[in-house]
């Protein structure tokens, strides 16, 4: 089935350029264009597209306001186009908080190393986001996404399973991505978590598409006295990570900062890998430090989850509580494999709560993760595991 796309931008040149790229993929079709946010809201209700591409700065109604309005009237996957500036970073993060699922630089030369790669990436992103439409608009929840899947746990009591399957909740469209896709009333009874009894000295999280909202959801629920340092790897442009770290720091009880070369890891502090660089750990547990290195011309991801996780495995061995969240591709699989080989714990986000089920699927299919969890229960699971 063809993915129907609505292109929203006040520039006729950019609308035409994006439309040509999308229509060049036989799986995609542009069914309409809007020149401002107000027109976009009207066309969404009329055309009911599968995906929307949205500019941020537009007359009459800007893109961020349009995202909020669309999430109220007809929740739809939205891909934002952003400038790679500090102002663009803040606006993009505001758009993601309003309900947009993903973003790309508006200058195509900033998307990838060559034109063909940039075109392919845009087409792929649109196709991936279209898969979330069914979750965003589904009126009834027929299976309980709140029950985690553990590959090492005993089967759930049959009576509870039956009750969970027969309990459904209506999804109410709201103004944020987290609420739009996941705020259905939880099916009851919910599984209670039990601590594994393992001891940790570090928590590590890797993510990509959909990660900003996912990280915010988790980190804002952690207490100020969280007992371990946290390293975060989010695929993000260099101009965005400082603004994102500052936003997380303002919203969270723990401290969050953009990582700097030589930072000594401290409990209750989260270190976000800088965009365009690689973040590695060195030293010994209790006095480990961060090394921020050049991204590397041959590396597909800057920062790369595999690089950070691999170095964490060498320093902390079996004392890492790690997780792979929503994201395209398979970055993190090999780093997570190293962590598991050393005896550390690896969790993955479940398919339904992911914006893109790529990175978590890679570790789950490889048998690396021990639990698959819905996003809304990660913080709860973490606190049980670490005894908080």
Protein backbone atom coordinates (compact mmCIF):
# COMPACT_ATOMS: atom_id res chain seq x y z
CA UNK A 1 0.00 0.00 0.00
CA UNK A 2 1.30 3.45 -0.95
CA UNK A 3 2.26 5.80 1.88
CA UNK A 4 0.36 9.09 1.52
CA UNK A 5 2.39 12.19 2.40
CA UNK A 6 1.44 15.81 3.05
CA UNK A 7 4.29 18.31 2.47
CA UNK A 8 4.11 21.52 4.50
CA UNK A 9 6.48 24.45 3.79
CA UNK A 10 6.10 28.12 2.87
CA UNK A 11 8.84 27.80 0.23
CA UNK A 12 7.49 26.65 -3.14
CA UNK A 13 11.01 25.55 -4.13
CA UNK A 14 11.38 23.33 -1.04
CA UNK A 15 7.87 21.89 -1.39
CA UNK A 16 8.64 20.96 -4.97
CA UNK A 17 12.04 19.49 -4.10
CA UNK A 18 10.71 17.36 -1.24
CA UNK A 19 7.72 16.24 -3.33
CA UNK A 20 9.98 15.13 -6.18
CA UNK A 21 12.13 13.07 -3.84
CA UNK A 22 9.16 11.42 -2.15
CA UNK A 23 7.34 10.69 -5.41
CA UNK A 24 10.52 9.12 -6.83
CA UNK A 25 9.95 6.22 -4.45
CA UNK A 26 7.11 4.03 -5.79
CA UNK A 27 6.08 3.20 -2.22
CA UNK A 28 5.44 6.87 -1.42
CA UNK A 29 3.04 9.47 -2.82
CA UNK A 30 2.59 13.19 -2.09
CA UNK A 31 -1.17 13.77 -1.89
CA UNK A 32 -1.10 17.45 -0.96
CA UNK A 33 0.89 20.57 -0.16
CA UNK A 34 0.33 23.27 2.45
CA UNK A 35 2.01 26.67 2.66
CA UNK A 36 1.49 27.25 6.38
CA UNK A 37 0.47 25.47 9.58
CA UNK A 38 -3.17 26.55 9.45
CA UNK A 39 -3.62 25.11 5.98
CA UNK A 40 -1.82 21.95 7.10
CA UNK A 41 -4.27 21.37 9.95
CA UNK A 42 -7.20 21.74 7.54
CA UNK A 43 -5.67 19.41 4.92
CA UNK A 44 -4.81 16.76 7.49
CA UNK A 45 -8.49 16.39 8.38
CA UNK A 46 -9.50 16.42 4.71
CA UNK A 47 -6.79 14.19 3.19
CA UNK A 48 -5.83 12.05 6.22
CA UNK A 49 -2.19 11.51 5.19
CA UNK A 50 -0.03 8.72 6.59
CA UNK A 51 2.96 11.03 7.17
CA UNK A 52 3.54 14.80 7.21
CA UNK A 53 6.78 16.65 6.49
CA UNK A 54 6.72 20.00 8.29
CA UNK A 55 8.76 23.18 8.24
CA UNK A 56 9.17 25.07 11.52
CA UNK A 57 9.14 28.73 10.50
CA UNK A 58 6.03 29.63 8.48
CA UNK A 59 3.56 32.53 8.30
CA UNK A 60 0.00 32.42 9.68
CA UNK A 61 0.77 29.38 11.88
CA UNK A 62 4.26 28.06 12.62
CA UNK A 63 5.19 24.39 12.49
CA UNK A 64 5.31 23.81 16.24
CA UNK A 65 1.79 25.16 16.75
CA UNK A 66 0.62 23.13 13.76
CA UNK A 67 2.06 19.95 15.29
CA UNK A 68 0.12 20.56 18.52
CA UNK A 69 -3.11 21.18 16.61
CA UNK A 70 -2.69 18.10 14.42
CA UNK A 71 -2.08 15.92 17.46
CA UNK A 72 -5.39 17.14 18.86
CA UNK A 73 -7.52 16.60 15.76
CA UNK A 74 -5.90 13.62 14.00
CA UNK A 75 -2.59 12.29 15.41
CA UNK A 76 -0.24 11.70 12.47
CA UNK A 77 3.50 10.90 12.22
CA UNK A 78 5.34 14.16 11.51
CA UNK A 79 8.88 14.64 10.21
CA UNK A 80 10.25 18.13 10.93
CA UNK A 81 12.77 19.96 8.75
CA UNK A 82 15.14 22.05 10.82
CA UNK A 83 18.10 24.37 10.45
CA UNK A 84 21.29 23.20 12.16
CA UNK A 85 21.60 26.23 14.43
CA UNK A 86 21.14 26.76 18.16
CA UNK A 87 17.78 28.40 17.46
CA UNK A 88 16.90 25.55 15.14
CA UNK A 89 17.86 23.02 17.82
CA UNK A 90 15.56 24.58 20.40
CA UNK A 91 12.67 24.84 17.94
CA UNK A 92 13.15 21.23 16.82
CA UNK A 93 13.15 19.96 20.40
CA UNK A 94 9.98 21.99 21.02
CA UNK A 95 8.41 20.34 17.96
CA UNK A 96 9.35 16.87 19.20
CA UNK A 97 7.89 17.70 22.60
CA UNK A 98 4.71 18.85 20.84
CA UNK A 99 4.34 15.49 19.12
CA UNK A 100 6.59 15.32 16.04
CA UNK A 101 8.37 11.97 15.74
CA UNK A 102 11.57 12.83 13.90
CA UNK A 103 13.58 15.58 12.22
CA UNK A 104 16.07 16.11 9.41
CA UNK A 105 18.27 19.09 8.48
CA UNK A 106 16.61 21.36 5.94
CA UNK A 107 19.83 21.64 3.95
CA UNK A 108 20.09 18.28 2.23
CA UNK A 109 23.89 18.51 2.10
CA UNK A 110 23.79 18.29 5.91
CA UNK A 111 21.77 15.07 5.87
CA UNK A 112 24.38 12.78 4.36
CA UNK A 113 27.73 12.64 2.56
CA UNK A 114 26.22 12.76 -0.95
CA UNK A 115 22.96 13.63 -2.68
CA UNK A 116 21.86 10.06 -3.43
CA UNK A 117 22.40 9.03 0.19
CA UNK A 118 20.40 12.04 1.39
CA UNK A 119 17.51 11.22 -0.93
CA UNK A 120 17.48 7.59 0.18
CA UNK A 121 17.55 8.61 3.85
CA UNK A 122 14.58 10.96 3.47
CA UNK A 123 12.56 8.29 1.67
CA UNK A 124 13.45 5.69 4.28
CA UNK A 125 12.54 7.99 7.19
CA UNK A 126 9.12 8.72 5.68
CA UNK A 127 8.49 5.02 5.12
CA UNK A 128 9.52 4.10 8.68
CA UNK A 129 7.35 6.80 10.27
CA UNK A 130 4.32 5.62 8.30
CA UNK A 131 4.39 2.40 10.33
CA UNK A 132 3.52 4.37 13.48
CA UNK A 133 0.25 5.69 12.06
CA UNK A 134 -1.68 2.57 13.08
CA UNK A 135 -0.56 2.95 16.70
CA UNK A 136 -1.28 6.69 16.81
CA UNK A 137 -4.84 6.42 15.50
CA UNK A 138 -5.89 3.02 16.77
CA UNK A 139 -9.13 3.47 18.76
CA UNK A 140 -8.82 0.34 20.88
CA UNK A 141 -5.86 -1.28 22.57
CA UNK A 142 -6.38 -5.00 22.34
CA UNK A 143 -3.12 -6.17 23.91
CA UNK A 144 -1.44 -4.86 27.05
CA UNK A 145 1.78 -3.13 26.01
CA UNK A 146 2.53 -2.43 29.65
CA UNK A 147 3.45 -6.05 30.42
CA UNK A 148 7.20 -6.54 29.82
CA UNK A 149 8.54 -9.57 28.01
CA UNK A 150 11.38 -11.35 29.79
CA UNK A 151 13.27 -14.12 28.09
CA UNK A 152 14.15 -15.63 31.44
CA UNK A 153 10.98 -15.23 33.47
CA UNK A 154 8.30 -17.79 34.26
CA UNK A 155 5.07 -17.69 32.21
CA UNK A 156 2.46 -15.23 33.42
CA UNK A 157 -0.45 -16.76 35.32
CA UNK A 158 -3.05 -17.86 32.78
CA UNK A 159 -5.89 -16.09 34.57
CA UNK A 160 -3.96 -12.83 34.58
CA UNK A 161 -3.09 -13.25 30.91
CA UNK A 162 -6.73 -13.75 30.01
CA UNK A 163 -7.76 -10.73 32.03
CA UNK A 164 -5.09 -8.61 30.38
CA UNK A 165 -6.13 -9.70 26.90
CA UNK A 166 -9.76 -8.86 27.51
CA UNK A 167 -9.09 -5.46 29.07
CA UNK A 168 -8.90 -2.66 26.52
CA UNK A 169 -8.54 1.10 26.87
CA UNK A 170 -9.37 3.94 24.55
CA UNK A 171 -6.54 6.10 23.24
CA UNK A 172 -7.22 9.81 23.64
CA UNK A 173 -5.24 12.05 21.23
CA UNK A 174 -3.08 14.54 23.14
CA UNK A 175 -0.46 17.18 22.44
CA UNK A 176 2.69 15.13 22.86
CA UNK A 177 4.15 12.10 21.16
CA UNK A 178 4.48 10.20 24.40
CA UNK A 179 0.81 10.68 25.24
CA UNK A 180 -0.43 10.30 21.68
CA UNK A 181 1.04 6.86 21.22
CA UNK A 182 1.16 5.47 24.73
CA UNK A 183 -1.30 7.13 27.13
CA UNK A 184 -3.99 4.51 26.91
CA UNK A 185 -5.20 3.45 30.33
CA UNK A 186 -2.95 0.57 31.32
CA UNK A 187 -4.39 -2.88 31.01
CA UNK A 188 -4.75 -4.44 34.45
CA UNK A 189 -3.30 -6.22 36.22
CA UNK A 190 0.21 -5.00 35.39
CA UNK A 191 3.18 -7.25 35.99
CA UNK A 192 5.19 -6.31 39.07
CA UNK A 193 8.90 -6.04 38.62
CA UNK A 194 11.46 -7.82 40.77
CA UNK A 195 15.09 -6.81 41.16
CA UNK A 196 17.55 -9.29 39.70
CA UNK A 197 19.95 -8.84 42.60
CA UNK A 198 22.81 -7.78 40.32
CA UNK A 199 25.12 -4.98 41.43
CA UNK A 200 25.87 -2.10 39.08
CA UNK A 201 28.26 0.81 38.82
CA UNK A 202 27.07 2.43 35.58
CA UNK A 203 23.90 2.89 33.52
CA UNK A 204 24.18 3.28 29.74
CA UNK A 205 21.47 4.17 27.21
CA UNK A 206 21.70 4.21 23.40
CA UNK A 207 19.02 5.55 21.07
CA UNK A 208 18.30 7.35 17.80
CA UNK A 209 15.00 8.19 16.06
CA UNK A 210 12.44 8.97 18.76
CA UNK A 211 15.17 9.08 21.38
CA UNK A 212 14.80 12.68 22.60
CA UNK A 213 11.27 12.04 23.84
CA UNK A 214 12.17 8.59 25.16
CA UNK A 215 15.17 9.87 27.12
CA UNK A 216 13.14 12.72 28.55
CA UNK A 217 10.44 10.28 29.62
CA UNK A 218 12.93 8.12 31.52
CA UNK A 219 15.39 10.64 32.96
CA UNK A 220 12.73 12.96 34.37
CA UNK A 221 11.48 10.11 36.57
CA UNK A 222 14.85 9.35 38.18
CA UNK A 223 15.56 10.68 41.69
CA UNK A 224 18.33 13.18 42.43
CA UNK A 225 20.14 10.53 44.49
CA UNK A 226 20.37 8.04 41.61
CA UNK A 227 23.26 5.80 42.69
CA UNK A 228 25.25 5.51 39.42
CA UNK A 229 26.61 7.73 36.66
CA UNK A 230 24.71 7.52 33.37
CA UNK A 231 26.11 7.71 29.84
CA UNK A 232 23.74 8.64 27.01
CA UNK A 233 24.31 8.17 23.29
CA UNK A 234 21.69 9.86 21.08
CA UNK A 235 22.21 10.14 17.33
CA UNK A 236 21.98 13.91 16.93
CA UNK A 237 23.74 16.75 15.07
CA UNK A 238 26.60 18.55 16.85
CA UNK A 239 24.61 21.78 17.19
CA UNK A 240 21.75 19.99 18.95
CA UNK A 241 23.34 18.05 21.81
CA UNK A 242 24.21 21.03 24.05
CA UNK A 243 20.64 22.35 23.80
CA UNK A 244 19.21 18.88 24.41
CA UNK A 245 21.40 18.28 27.46
CA UNK A 246 20.37 21.67 28.88
CA UNK A 247 16.70 20.85 28.35
CA UNK A 248 17.02 17.49 30.08
CA UNK A 249 18.93 19.10 32.94
CA UNK A 250 16.17 21.68 33.47
CA UNK A 251 13.46 19.02 33.49
CA UNK A 252 15.22 16.34 35.56
CA UNK A 253 16.10 15.90 39.23
CA UNK A 254 19.43 14.35 38.26
CA UNK A 255 22.09 16.50 36.58
CA UNK A 256 22.46 16.20 32.80
CA UNK A 257 25.33 17.68 30.81
CA UNK A 258 26.91 17.45 27.40
CA UNK A 259 29.97 15.28 27.96
CA UNK A 260 33.42 16.89 27.85
CA UNK A 261 36.80 15.28 27.41
CA UNK A 262 38.21 14.36 30.81
CA UNK A 263 34.90 14.35 32.70
CA UNK A 264 35.10 12.09 35.76
CA UNK A 265 31.95 10.00 36.06
CA UNK A 266 29.87 10.88 39.13
CA UNK A 267 26.75 9.23 40.54
CA UNK A 268 23.51 11.03 39.76
CA UNK A 269 24.94 12.73 36.66
CA UNK A 270 24.02 11.85 33.06
CA UNK A 271 26.60 12.55 30.34
CA UNK A 272 25.25 13.07 26.80
CA UNK A 273 27.69 12.23 24.00
CA UNK A 274 28.39 15.32 21.85
CA UNK A 275 27.10 15.20 18.30
CA UNK A 276 29.76 14.63 15.66
CA UNK A 277 32.13 13.01 18.21
CA UNK A 278 32.76 9.64 19.81
CA UNK A 279 32.49 9.12 23.56
CA UNK A 280 34.61 6.44 25.24
CA UNK A 281 35.21 5.44 28.84
CA UNK A 282 38.62 4.75 30.33
CA UNK A 283 40.14 4.03 33.72
CA UNK A 284 38.63 1.97 36.51
CA UNK A 285 35.18 1.83 38.16
CA UNK A 286 34.89 4.58 40.75
CA UNK A 287 37.35 6.82 38.94
CA UNK A 288 36.47 6.30 35.27
CA UNK A 289 36.76 9.24 32.89
CA UNK A 290 35.31 10.16 29.52
CA UNK A 291 37.32 10.62 26.37
CA UNK A 292 35.71 12.68 23.62
CA UNK A 293 37.33 11.86 20.31
CA UNK A 294 36.99 12.83 16.67
CA UNK A 295 33.97 11.19 15.05
CA UNK A 296 36.00 9.37 12.41
CA UNK A 297 35.39 9.66 8.67
CA UNK A 298 34.47 5.99 8.26
CA UNK A 299 31.98 5.88 11.12
CA UNK A 300 28.31 5.88 10.12
CA UNK A 301 27.23 7.22 13.50
CA UNK A 302 28.74 10.14 15.39
CA UNK A 303 28.27 9.45 18.24
CA UNK A 304 28.11 5.68 17.97
CA UNK A 305 26.43 3.50 20.60
CA UNK A 306 28.71 0.55 19.81
CA UNK A 307 31.81 2.62 20.58
CA UNK A 308 30.56 3.85 23.96
CA UNK A 309 29.04 0.52 25.03
CA UNK A 310 32.16 -1.39 23.97
CA UNK A 311 34.42 0.83 26.05
CA UNK A 312 32.00 0.58 29.01
CA UNK A 313 32.24 -3.21 28.84
CA UNK A 314 36.05 -3.05 29.10
CA UNK A 315 35.97 -0.70 32.11
CA UNK A 316 32.96 -1.98 34.06
CA UNK A 317 32.74 -5.62 32.93
CA UNK A 318 29.52 -7.06 34.46
CA UNK A 319 28.51 -3.90 36.36
CA UNK A 320 26.61 -2.06 33.59
CA UNK A 321 22.82 -1.70 33.40
CA UNK A 322 22.32 -0.91 29.71
CA UNK A 323 19.38 -0.36 27.43
CA UNK A 324 18.72 0.18 23.74
CA UNK A 325 15.80 2.46 22.91
CA UNK A 326 13.94 3.43 19.74
CA UNK A 327 16.03 4.07 16.65
CA UNK A 328 16.69 3.17 13.02
CA UNK A 329 19.42 0.72 12.10
CA UNK A 330 21.40 -1.63 14.32
CA UNK A 331 23.85 0.64 16.16
CA UNK A 332 24.29 -0.68 19.69
CA UNK A 333 23.94 -4.36 18.84
CA UNK A 334 27.67 -5.14 18.90
CA UNK A 335 28.34 -2.92 21.91
CA UNK A 336 25.46 -4.57 23.75
CA UNK A 337 26.84 -7.96 22.75
CA UNK A 338 30.15 -7.02 24.37
CA UNK A 339 28.38 -5.92 27.53
CA UNK A 340 26.44 -9.17 27.72
CA UNK A 341 29.58 -11.22 27.12
CA UNK A 342 31.15 -9.47 30.12
CA UNK A 343 28.06 -10.29 32.22
CA UNK A 344 26.27 -6.93 32.14
CA UNK A 345 22.50 -6.46 31.75
CA UNK A 346 20.90 -5.40 28.45
CA UNK A 347 17.27 -4.33 28.04
CA UNK A 348 15.46 -3.28 24.86
CA UNK A 349 12.43 -1.11 24.18
CA UNK A 350 9.44 -3.04 22.86
CA UNK A 351 8.16 -2.65 19.31
CA UNK A 352 4.87 -0.89 20.00
CA UNK A 353 6.34 1.95 22.04
CA UNK A 354 9.23 2.59 19.60
CA UNK A 355 9.05 5.31 16.98
CA UNK A 356 11.28 3.06 14.87
CA UNK A 357 11.84 -0.54 15.95
CA UNK A 358 15.31 -0.92 14.49
CA UNK A 359 18.02 -0.74 17.15
CA UNK A 360 15.97 -2.55 19.84
CA UNK A 361 14.92 -5.19 17.33
CA UNK A 362 18.55 -5.81 16.42
CA UNK A 363 19.53 -6.67 20.01
CA UNK A 364 16.30 -8.58 20.66
CA UNK A 365 16.63 -10.74 17.53
CA UNK A 366 20.27 -11.46 18.36
CA UNK A 367 19.18 -12.76 21.77
CA UNK A 368 21.21 -10.10 23.55
CA UNK A 369 18.50 -8.34 25.55
CA UNK A 370 17.00 -10.11 28.56
CA UNK A 371 13.85 -7.97 28.77
CA UNK A 372 11.73 -6.03 26.27
CA UNK A 373 9.94 -3.14 27.96
CA UNK A 374 7.40 -0.51 26.95
CA UNK A 375 8.79 3.01 27.22
CA UNK A 376 6.34 4.05 29.94
CA UNK A 377 7.70 1.40 32.33
CA UNK A 378 11.45 1.81 31.87
CA UNK A 379 11.89 4.24 34.76
CA UNK A 380 9.84 2.02 37.07
CA UNK A 381 11.88 -1.01 36.07
CA UNK A 382 15.17 0.85 36.57
CA UNK A 383 14.22 2.03 40.06
CA UNK A 384 13.21 -1.47 41.13
CA UNK A 385 16.46 -2.90 39.75
CA UNK A 386 18.70 -0.37 41.51
CA UNK A 387 16.71 -0.42 44.77
CA UNK A 388 15.26 3.09 44.67
